[in-house]
Protein backbone atom coordinates (compact mmCIF):
# COMPACT_ATOMS: atom_id res chain seq x y z
CA UNK A 1 -17.79 -18.70 -26.93
CA UNK A 2 -17.89 -15.18 -26.76
CA UNK A 3 -16.03 -13.82 -23.64
CA UNK A 4 -17.48 -10.35 -22.41
CA UNK A 5 -15.00 -7.78 -20.35
CA UNK A 6 -15.07 -4.13 -19.37
CA UNK A 7 -12.20 -2.24 -19.03
CA UNK A 8 -10.61 1.11 -18.14
CA UNK A 9 -9.11 3.54 -20.91
CA UNK A 10 -7.52 6.94 -20.42
CA UNK A 11 -9.49 8.08 -23.67
CA UNK A 12 -7.14 11.70 -23.43
CA UNK A 13 -4.95 13.21 -20.46
CA UNK A 14 -7.48 13.51 -17.49
CA UNK A 15 -10.41 11.75 -18.87
CA UNK A 16 -10.73 7.96 -17.96
CA UNK A 17 -13.76 5.98 -19.06
CA UNK A 18 -15.23 2.25 -18.61
CA UNK A 19 -14.86 0.30 -22.24
CA UNK A 20 -16.40 -3.11 -23.50
CA UNK A 21 -14.13 -5.32 -24.56
CA UNK A 22 -13.96 -8.91 -26.52
CA UNK A 23 -11.64 -11.29 -25.30
CA UNK A 24 -9.73 -13.61 -27.65
CA UNK A 25 -10.21 -17.68 -27.58
CA UNK A 26 -7.48 -18.88 -25.27
CA UNK A 27 -5.03 -20.86 -26.43
CA UNK A 28 -4.06 -24.05 -24.66
CA UNK A 29 -1.30 -22.81 -22.22
CA UNK A 30 -3.69 -19.32 -21.60
CA UNK A 31 -5.96 -18.78 -18.74
CA UNK A 32 -9.18 -16.95 -18.38
CA UNK A 33 -8.90 -14.78 -15.18
CA UNK A 34 -11.92 -13.34 -13.82
CA UNK A 35 -10.93 -10.09 -11.88
CA UNK A 36 -11.56 -9.81 -8.09
CA UNK A 37 -9.24 -7.01 -6.96
CA UNK A 38 -6.99 -4.02 -8.62
CA UNK A 39 -4.87 -1.82 -7.33
CA UNK A 40 -3.74 1.94 -8.05
CA UNK A 41 -0.34 2.84 -8.19
CA UNK A 42 -0.89 6.47 -7.29
CA UNK A 43 2.62 7.69 -8.36
CA UNK A 44 2.75 5.93 -11.94
CA UNK A 45 -0.60 6.25 -12.71
CA UNK A 46 -1.02 9.80 -11.84
CA UNK A 47 1.80 10.83 -14.05
CA UNK A 48 -0.17 8.37 -16.96
CA UNK A 49 -3.39 10.44 -15.91
CA UNK A 50 -1.83 13.57 -16.30
CA UNK A 51 -0.08 12.78 -19.74
CA UNK A 52 3.04 13.48 -18.19
CA UNK A 53 5.07 10.09 -19.62
CA UNK A 54 8.22 11.77 -21.38
CA UNK A 55 7.95 10.99 -24.92
CA UNK A 56 11.70 9.40 -24.30
CA UNK A 57 10.14 6.75 -22.00
CA UNK A 58 6.98 6.12 -23.71
CA UNK A 59 8.71 2.50 -24.62
CA UNK A 60 10.43 2.04 -21.13
CA UNK A 61 7.30 2.71 -19.40
CA UNK A 62 4.63 0.36 -21.01
CA UNK A 63 3.27 -1.94 -18.74
CA UNK A 64 3.32 -5.34 -19.39
CA UNK A 65 -0.38 -5.93 -20.69
CA UNK A 66 -0.92 -2.37 -21.72
CA UNK A 67 -2.79 -1.38 -25.15
CA UNK A 68 -2.47 1.45 -26.59
CA UNK A 69 0.14 4.24 -26.35
CA UNK A 70 0.84 7.41 -24.06
CA UNK A 71 -0.17 9.87 -23.57
CA UNK A 72 -3.76 8.30 -24.84
CA UNK A 73 -6.06 6.22 -25.49
CA UNK A 74 -4.26 4.27 -23.38
CA UNK A 75 -5.30 1.09 -21.09
CA UNK A 76 -2.58 1.18 -18.26
CA UNK A 77 -2.19 -0.98 -15.11
CA UNK A 78 -0.08 -3.69 -13.69
CA UNK A 79 -1.86 -4.55 -9.90
CA UNK A 80 -4.63 -7.39 -11.00
CA UNK A 81 -5.96 -10.36 -8.34
CA UNK A 82 -8.17 -12.69 -9.83
CA UNK A 83 -9.66 -16.34 -9.76
CA UNK A 84 -8.49 -18.54 -12.90
CA UNK A 85 -11.95 -19.24 -14.57
CA UNK A 86 -10.12 -21.70 -17.55
CA UNK A 87 -6.79 -22.96 -18.22
CA UNK A 88 -4.54 -25.84 -16.76
CA UNK A 89 -5.72 -28.15 -14.45
CA UNK A 90 -3.54 -26.82 -11.74
CA UNK A 91 -4.31 -23.53 -11.95
CA UNK A 92 -8.11 -23.51 -12.76
CA UNK A 93 -9.75 -22.09 -9.40
CA UNK A 94 -6.68 -20.77 -8.30
CA UNK A 95 -6.29 -16.93 -6.89
CA UNK A 96 -3.71 -15.46 -8.77
CA UNK A 97 -1.42 -12.04 -9.39
CA UNK A 98 -1.05 -10.69 -12.84
CA UNK A 99 0.86 -7.81 -14.11
CA UNK A 100 -2.52 -6.66 -16.08
CA UNK A 101 -4.81 -3.45 -16.13
CA UNK A 102 -7.79 -2.71 -14.77
CA UNK A 103 -10.55 -4.73 -16.74
CA UNK A 104 -12.92 -7.20 -15.20
CA UNK A 105 -11.77 -10.81 -16.92
CA UNK A 106 -8.75 -11.21 -19.27
CA UNK A 107 -6.61 -13.87 -21.44
CA UNK A 108 -2.75 -14.43 -20.70
CA UNK A 109 0.00 -16.91 -21.15
CA UNK A 110 0.02 -19.13 -17.89
CA UNK A 111 2.99 -17.98 -17.04
CA UNK A 112 1.82 -14.64 -16.72
CA UNK A 113 0.34 -15.49 -13.62
CA UNK A 114 1.71 -16.24 -9.95
CA UNK A 115 -0.75 -18.40 -7.63
CA UNK A 116 -1.42 -16.33 -4.66
CA UNK A 117 -0.35 -18.40 -1.43
CA UNK A 118 -3.18 -19.78 1.18
CA UNK A 119 -1.59 -17.39 3.42
CA UNK A 120 -2.21 -14.22 1.71
CA UNK A 121 -6.25 -12.94 1.39
CA UNK A 122 -6.48 -11.83 -2.37
CA UNK A 123 -7.72 -8.47 -1.26
CA UNK A 124 -4.06 -7.50 -0.03
CA UNK A 125 -2.34 -9.19 -2.83
CA UNK A 126 -2.87 -6.52 -4.82
CA UNK A 127 0.20 -4.78 -3.14
CA UNK A 128 2.58 -7.80 -4.84
CA UNK A 129 3.78 -5.10 -7.66
CA UNK A 130 4.79 -2.54 -5.12
CA UNK A 131 6.14 -5.32 -2.35
CA UNK A 132 8.29 -6.50 -5.61
CA UNK A 133 9.53 -3.01 -5.78
CA UNK A 134 10.78 -2.91 -2.48
CA UNK A 135 12.49 -5.90 -2.23
CA UNK A 136 14.39 -5.02 -5.68
CA UNK A 137 15.24 -1.95 -3.66
CA UNK A 138 16.49 -3.93 -1.08
CA UNK A 139 18.54 -5.99 -3.10
CA UNK A 140 20.06 -2.87 -4.80
CA UNK A 141 20.85 -1.19 -1.45
CA UNK A 142 21.87 -4.50 0.60
CA UNK A 143 21.55 -2.78 3.98
CA UNK A 144 23.69 -4.35 6.93
CA UNK A 145 23.15 -5.17 10.62
CA UNK A 146 22.92 -2.00 12.51
CA UNK A 147 22.89 0.12 9.77
CA UNK A 148 21.11 3.55 10.62
CA UNK A 149 18.18 4.13 7.74
CA UNK A 150 15.71 6.77 6.84
CA UNK A 151 13.19 6.14 4.40
CA UNK A 152 11.38 9.95 2.96
CA UNK A 153 8.38 9.47 1.40
CA UNK A 154 5.38 7.55 3.15
CA UNK A 155 3.40 6.61 -0.01
CA UNK A 156 3.04 3.09 -0.99
CA UNK A 157 6.66 2.25 -2.47
CA UNK A 158 8.20 4.05 0.96
CA UNK A 159 5.96 1.99 3.31
CA UNK A 160 6.46 -1.26 1.68
CA UNK A 161 10.57 -0.57 2.07
CA UNK A 162 9.80 0.25 5.51
CA UNK A 163 7.97 -2.79 6.20
CA UNK A 164 10.42 -4.94 5.22
CA UNK A 165 13.32 -2.77 6.92
CA UNK A 166 11.62 -3.55 10.06
CA UNK A 167 12.48 -7.23 9.94
CA UNK A 168 16.43 -6.62 9.54
CA UNK A 169 18.35 -7.17 12.91
CA UNK A 170 19.65 -4.13 14.68
CA UNK A 171 19.26 -1.42 12.36
CA UNK A 172 17.49 1.94 13.27
CA UNK A 173 14.97 2.59 10.91
CA UNK A 174 12.88 6.04 10.65
CA UNK A 175 9.93 6.91 8.04
CA UNK A 176 9.99 10.13 7.06
CA UNK A 177 6.50 12.10 5.62
CA UNK A 178 5.73 15.60 5.89
CA UNK A 179 1.80 14.13 6.46
CA UNK A 180 1.91 13.98 10.50
CA UNK A 181 -0.85 11.35 9.68
CA UNK A 182 1.36 9.16 8.60
CA UNK A 183 2.99 8.46 11.73
CA UNK A 184 0.15 5.47 12.52
CA UNK A 185 0.90 3.84 9.16
CA UNK A 186 4.71 3.94 10.59
CA UNK A 187 3.39 2.47 14.05
CA UNK A 188 1.59 -0.34 12.51
CA UNK A 189 4.87 -1.38 10.45
CA UNK A 190 7.03 -1.41 13.64
CA UNK A 191 9.16 2.02 12.38
CA UNK A 192 9.65 5.37 13.83
CA UNK A 193 8.62 8.22 12.19
CA UNK A 194 9.44 11.77 11.72
CA UNK A 195 8.66 14.82 9.78
CA UNK A 196 11.38 15.92 7.42
CA UNK A 197 12.72 18.83 9.65
CA UNK A 198 12.58 16.23 12.85
CA UNK A 199 14.73 13.02 10.97
CA UNK A 200 17.56 12.28 12.54
CA UNK A 201 20.32 12.42 10.66
CA UNK A 202 24.00 10.60 10.50
CA UNK A 203 22.21 8.11 8.17
CA UNK A 204 24.28 4.69 6.55
CA UNK A 205 21.29 4.56 3.87
CA UNK A 206 18.29 6.59 2.77
CA UNK A 207 15.91 5.61 0.58
CA UNK A 208 14.01 8.44 -1.20
CA UNK A 209 10.46 7.79 -2.34
CA UNK A 210 8.62 11.10 -1.85
CA UNK A 211 9.06 12.24 -5.76
CA UNK A 212 9.49 15.83 -4.56
CA UNK A 213 12.97 17.78 -5.10
CA UNK A 214 12.50 18.84 -1.08
CA UNK A 215 12.37 15.19 -0.14
CA UNK A 216 15.41 14.45 -2.46
CA UNK A 217 17.57 17.17 -1.06
CA UNK A 218 16.30 16.05 2.30
CA UNK A 219 17.58 12.71 2.03
CA UNK A 220 20.98 14.04 1.11
CA UNK A 221 21.00 16.32 4.35
CA UNK A 222 20.27 13.00 6.43
CA UNK A 223 23.27 10.74 5.24
CA UNK A 224 26.91 10.34 7.31
CA UNK A 225 29.73 10.70 5.52
CA UNK A 226 29.85 8.16 2.57
CA UNK A 227 26.38 7.47 2.88
CA UNK A 228 24.22 6.28 0.15
CA UNK A 229 20.74 7.48 -1.53
CA UNK A 230 18.63 4.99 -3.08
CA UNK A 231 16.29 7.08 -5.07
CA UNK A 232 13.04 5.15 -6.13
CA UNK A 233 11.15 7.89 -7.24
CA UNK A 234 9.96 8.87 -10.85
CA UNK A 235 9.38 12.08 -11.94
CA UNK A 236 7.92 11.89 -15.45
CA UNK A 237 8.23 15.06 -17.40
CA UNK A 238 9.56 16.90 -14.23
CA UNK A 239 13.00 18.94 -14.01
CA UNK A 240 14.56 18.17 -10.05
CA UNK A 241 17.25 20.53 -8.60
CA UNK A 242 19.89 19.25 -6.03
CA UNK A 243 22.28 21.14 -3.80
CA UNK A 244 25.29 19.20 -4.91
CA UNK A 245 27.24 22.23 -4.25
CA UNK A 246 27.61 21.68 -0.27
CA UNK A 247 28.22 18.52 1.28
CA UNK A 248 28.10 16.18 -1.30
CA UNK A 249 31.58 16.28 -2.62
CA UNK A 250 33.21 16.86 0.74
CA UNK A 251 31.19 13.81 2.06
CA UNK A 252 31.87 11.42 -0.93
CA UNK A 253 27.90 10.86 -0.78
CA UNK A 254 26.08 8.31 -3.36
CA UNK A 255 23.10 9.00 -5.29
CA UNK A 256 22.25 5.40 -6.90
CA UNK A 257 18.65 4.97 -8.95
CA UNK A 258 16.87 1.89 -8.89
CA UNK A 259 13.92 0.69 -10.46
CA UNK A 260 11.92 -2.68 -10.30
CA UNK A 261 12.36 -3.09 -14.76
CA UNK A 262 15.29 -4.98 -14.10
CA UNK A 263 16.00 -7.71 -11.83
CA UNK A 264 18.82 -5.80 -9.31
CA UNK A 265 22.35 -6.87 -10.53
CA UNK A 266 22.97 -7.87 -6.91
CA UNK A 267 20.57 -10.86 -7.83
CA UNK A 268 20.58 -11.25 -11.58
CA UNK A 269 22.53 -14.16 -12.24
CA UNK A 270 20.53 -16.54 -9.53
CA UNK A 271 16.72 -14.73 -9.81
CA UNK A 272 14.23 -14.55 -12.17
CA UNK A 273 11.68 -11.91 -12.43
CA UNK A 274 9.37 -14.63 -11.33
CA UNK A 275 11.40 -15.77 -8.31
CA UNK A 276 10.81 -12.21 -7.49
CA UNK A 277 7.52 -11.65 -7.53
CA UNK A 278 6.78 -15.17 -5.95
CA UNK A 279 8.68 -13.95 -3.18
CA UNK A 280 7.08 -10.62 -2.86
CA UNK A 281 3.89 -12.26 -2.29
CA UNK A 282 4.99 -14.85 0.44
CA UNK A 283 5.84 -11.14 2.37
CA UNK A 284 2.14 -10.37 2.39
CA UNK A 285 1.31 -13.21 4.45
CA UNK A 286 2.26 -10.48 7.12
CA UNK A 287 -0.93 -8.56 8.00
CA UNK A 288 0.84 -5.38 8.72
CA UNK A 289 0.64 -4.40 4.79
CA UNK A 290 -3.36 -3.78 5.33
CA UNK A 291 -2.29 -0.74 6.77
CA UNK A 292 -1.15 0.43 3.06
CA UNK A 293 -5.04 -0.35 1.56
CA UNK A 294 -6.79 3.12 2.61
CA UNK A 295 -9.44 3.61 0.09
CA UNK A 296 -11.68 1.23 -2.17
CA UNK A 297 -14.00 1.81 -4.92
CA UNK A 298 -16.22 -0.16 -7.35
CA UNK A 299 -14.86 -0.80 -10.91
CA UNK A 300 -17.37 1.36 -12.45
CA UNK A 301 -16.32 4.26 -10.45
CA UNK A 302 -12.85 4.04 -11.22
CA UNK A 303 -12.74 7.09 -13.58
CA UNK A 304 -13.81 9.37 -11.21
CA UNK A 305 -11.95 7.84 -8.31
CA UNK A 306 -9.02 8.14 -10.19
CA UNK A 307 -9.27 11.88 -11.36
CA UNK A 308 -9.88 12.72 -7.41
CA UNK A 309 -6.64 10.74 -6.47
CA UNK A 310 -4.58 13.17 -8.98
CA UNK A 311 -6.21 15.81 -8.17
CA UNK A 312 -5.14 15.03 -4.34
CA UNK A 313 -8.89 15.15 -3.47
CA UNK A 314 -8.68 11.54 -2.46
CA UNK A 315 -5.36 11.33 -0.54
CA UNK A 316 -4.21 8.03 0.72
CA UNK A 317 -2.00 4.96 -0.15
CA UNK A 318 -3.06 1.93 -2.29
CA UNK A 319 -6.53 2.59 -3.73
CA UNK A 320 -8.17 -0.85 -4.49
CA UNK A 321 -10.63 -1.34 -6.93
CA UNK A 322 -13.49 -4.03 -6.43
CA UNK A 323 -14.96 -6.05 -9.27
CA UNK A 324 -17.14 -8.68 -8.00
CA UNK A 325 -18.36 -7.54 -4.79
CA UNK A 326 -20.57 -10.76 -3.80
CA UNK A 327 -17.41 -12.85 -4.85
CA UNK A 328 -14.76 -11.04 -3.22
CA UNK A 329 -16.10 -10.41 -0.01
CA UNK A 330 -15.10 -13.25 1.88
CA UNK A 331 -11.65 -12.70 0.39
CA UNK A 332 -10.63 -8.86 1.43
């Protein structure tokens, strides 16, 4: 039985296209998944689209089911929600999340998919990979009750971190961004909002997710003595300068990196990748996360939509891609 599919490929930096694909015959422990939605991870996928992945990071930045290589041709992406059409009986008919690129149908080991809880609409579940990054960041940072916290950068990652911090007892959480319109998202997430120049200082902890030199410098300025900036941004091949000669040493400030590629050392002995992803999907039962999905297009429109996202002509947070409008309409 021939199984046809369509996949998004970056032919070369700045040039995307939809290609036909033939699927392999599934093994006994595989699943065949028909995609309902995928999500564009704006920061990382913009760097990939521009061809800005440093050569030294070509191996480290491979997506789990990536085809091709950087800078292209490459099939890249990792926010995919679909319906299992074939596979083990307990999965057939289930909606699942998978770290798979933008493709209409695919075959993967059953162990590579995670069932989406019935409490989470499939259209919201495209955020699972983003919330997973936020979960790992909170494990790394270990916020304490009563902490004063800023999240600098109200993109997908920053908003996901803020949404989870809003559940912590007694903390002061402020979402900081240069775009005033992000105040509306902060309101939905039940956290305070401030422009960078108006942000409250004396923070015990700052999560930085703006992927900008100015944002990182402001994050350090917002710290109380002996406070920590947890860096969640990835700058690709850009060089970043920091004001380490001002209060950095006298204040005994800490700048620490966090990345989702490994489970946080704080939980590595007791949580697997699967545990972390399952937790992230459970957390998405909160309808507040719908505020992070700000745009949508049909799959065939993805090449032009990604070009507009990278150019800045299509602003927003998560951009959702719809594959089968009739099947997905009742699931969004």
